[in-house]
Structures are given as structure tokens and as C-alpha cells.
């Protein structure tokens, strides 16, 4: 398992579109991908789970992945979260 702390720089307001794109990004990988925030560990491939988090620009989270392409999964999700869109 790989874990990486990330501070969100992408505008992640509560519109469903950025969350849906994040779920699409995570779903590209075979590994299990999680977003950890406070005491929560949410499956990043779950739209309902991701919508339950209050993700916004400047929020500090941890991206975790476990599986055969875990390095690529963490890097891909991190790139999405820090992209200035």
C-alpha cells in the first residue's frame, strides 16, 4: 500500500462534476484507491462515498492505493487533485 499526503488545489466545490471526474480518474486503476480525511477512509471509486466528504480547495487529505498499479493510481489521483482547472 502506498499513501501520499495531498493538499487539494483543484476547485472541488460541491458540484457533482468535479467529484464525478475524480471517481472516473480513480476507476481507471485496478488497485483499490482511497481518500483519507480526518478519521474517514472513503473508496475513491464510489461516487456516493466521495460526495460525503467535504472536499474543497486547500483541504489536506491522504491518497492511498493498494494493488498492482498502486503507484500509478496515487500519482494519477494526485495529479487530478492538484491541477488548476
Protein backbone atom coordinates (compact mmCIF):
# COMPACT_ATOMS: atom_id res chain seq x y z
CA UNK A 1 0.00 0.00 0.00
CA UNK A 2 1.16 3.49 -0.87
CA UNK A 3 -0.06 6.64 0.89
CA UNK A 4 0.66 10.22 -0.07
CA UNK A 5 -0.47 13.44 1.63
CA UNK A 6 -2.00 15.91 -0.83
CA UNK A 7 -3.41 19.41 -0.49
CA UNK A 8 -6.22 19.95 -2.98
CA UNK A 9 -5.58 22.79 -5.43
CA UNK A 10 -8.32 21.90 -7.89
CA UNK A 11 -11.64 23.68 -7.41
CA UNK A 12 -13.70 20.91 -5.80
CA UNK A 13 -16.88 22.75 -4.92
CA UNK A 14 -19.89 20.61 -4.13
CA UNK A 15 -20.99 20.36 -7.74
CA UNK A 16 -21.14 16.74 -8.83
CA UNK A 17 -18.98 17.23 -11.91
CA UNK A 18 -15.53 17.54 -10.20
CA UNK A 19 -16.36 14.65 -7.87
CA UNK A 20 -17.54 12.54 -10.82
CA UNK A 21 -14.29 13.27 -12.66
CA UNK A 22 -12.29 12.29 -9.58
CA UNK A 23 -14.21 9.00 -9.37
CA UNK A 24 -13.55 8.41 -13.10
CA UNK A 25 -9.84 9.03 -12.54
CA UNK A 26 -9.69 6.58 -9.63
CA UNK A 27 -11.74 3.99 -11.52
CA UNK A 28 -9.12 3.73 -14.28
CA UNK A 29 -6.84 1.73 -11.98
CA UNK A 30 -7.03 -1.91 -10.91
CA UNK A 31 -5.85 -1.02 -7.40
CA UNK A 32 -8.14 -0.12 -4.54
CA UNK A 33 -7.96 3.68 -4.20
CA UNK A 34 -8.95 5.58 -1.07
CA UNK A 35 -9.18 9.17 0.09
CA UNK A 36 -8.42 9.57 3.79
CA UNK A 37 -9.57 12.70 5.57
CA UNK A 38 -9.81 13.18 9.32
CA UNK A 39 -10.99 9.79 10.60
CA UNK A 40 -12.68 8.74 7.33
CA UNK A 41 -11.35 6.36 4.68
CA UNK A 42 -13.52 6.52 1.56
CA UNK A 43 -13.34 4.40 -1.59
CA UNK A 44 -12.37 6.91 -4.30
CA UNK A 45 -14.28 4.83 -6.87
CA UNK A 46 -17.58 5.40 -5.03
CA UNK A 47 -19.49 8.50 -6.16
CA UNK A 48 -21.72 8.46 -3.07
CA UNK A 49 -18.77 7.98 -0.75
CA UNK A 50 -16.81 10.79 -2.35
CA UNK A 51 -19.79 13.13 -2.21
CA UNK A 52 -19.96 12.50 1.56
CA UNK A 53 -16.58 14.20 2.00
CA UNK A 54 -16.36 17.97 2.15
CA UNK A 55 -13.56 18.31 -0.39
CA UNK A 56 -12.59 21.85 -1.23
CA UNK A 57 -9.59 23.75 -2.42
CA UNK A 58 -6.96 23.87 0.33
CA UNK A 59 -8.16 20.70 2.09
CA UNK A 60 -5.39 18.35 3.23
CA UNK A 61 -6.10 14.68 2.53
CA UNK A 62 -4.19 11.44 2.02
CA UNK A 63 -4.45 9.45 -1.20
CA UNK A 64 -3.92 5.72 -0.63
CA UNK A 65 -3.82 2.83 -3.06
CA UNK A 66 -3.25 -0.89 -2.74
CA UNK A 67 -2.76 -3.19 -5.71
CA UNK A 68 -0.76 -3.92 -8.80
CA UNK A 69 -0.80 -0.36 -10.18
CA UNK A 70 -0.85 1.48 -6.84
CA UNK A 71 1.97 3.89 -7.75
CA UNK A 72 0.21 4.97 -10.92
CA UNK A 73 -3.11 5.27 -9.11
CA UNK A 74 -1.73 7.55 -6.40
CA UNK A 75 0.10 9.67 -8.99
CA UNK A 76 -2.98 9.97 -11.22
CA UNK A 77 -5.38 10.94 -8.43
CA UNK A 78 -2.83 13.38 -7.01
CA UNK A 79 -2.38 15.00 -10.44
CA UNK A 80 -6.14 15.45 -10.72
CA UNK A 81 -6.41 16.99 -7.26
CA UNK A 82 -3.61 19.50 -7.72
CA UNK A 83 -4.46 20.55 -11.30
CA UNK A 84 -5.63 24.15 -11.51
CA UNK A 85 -8.81 23.84 -13.52
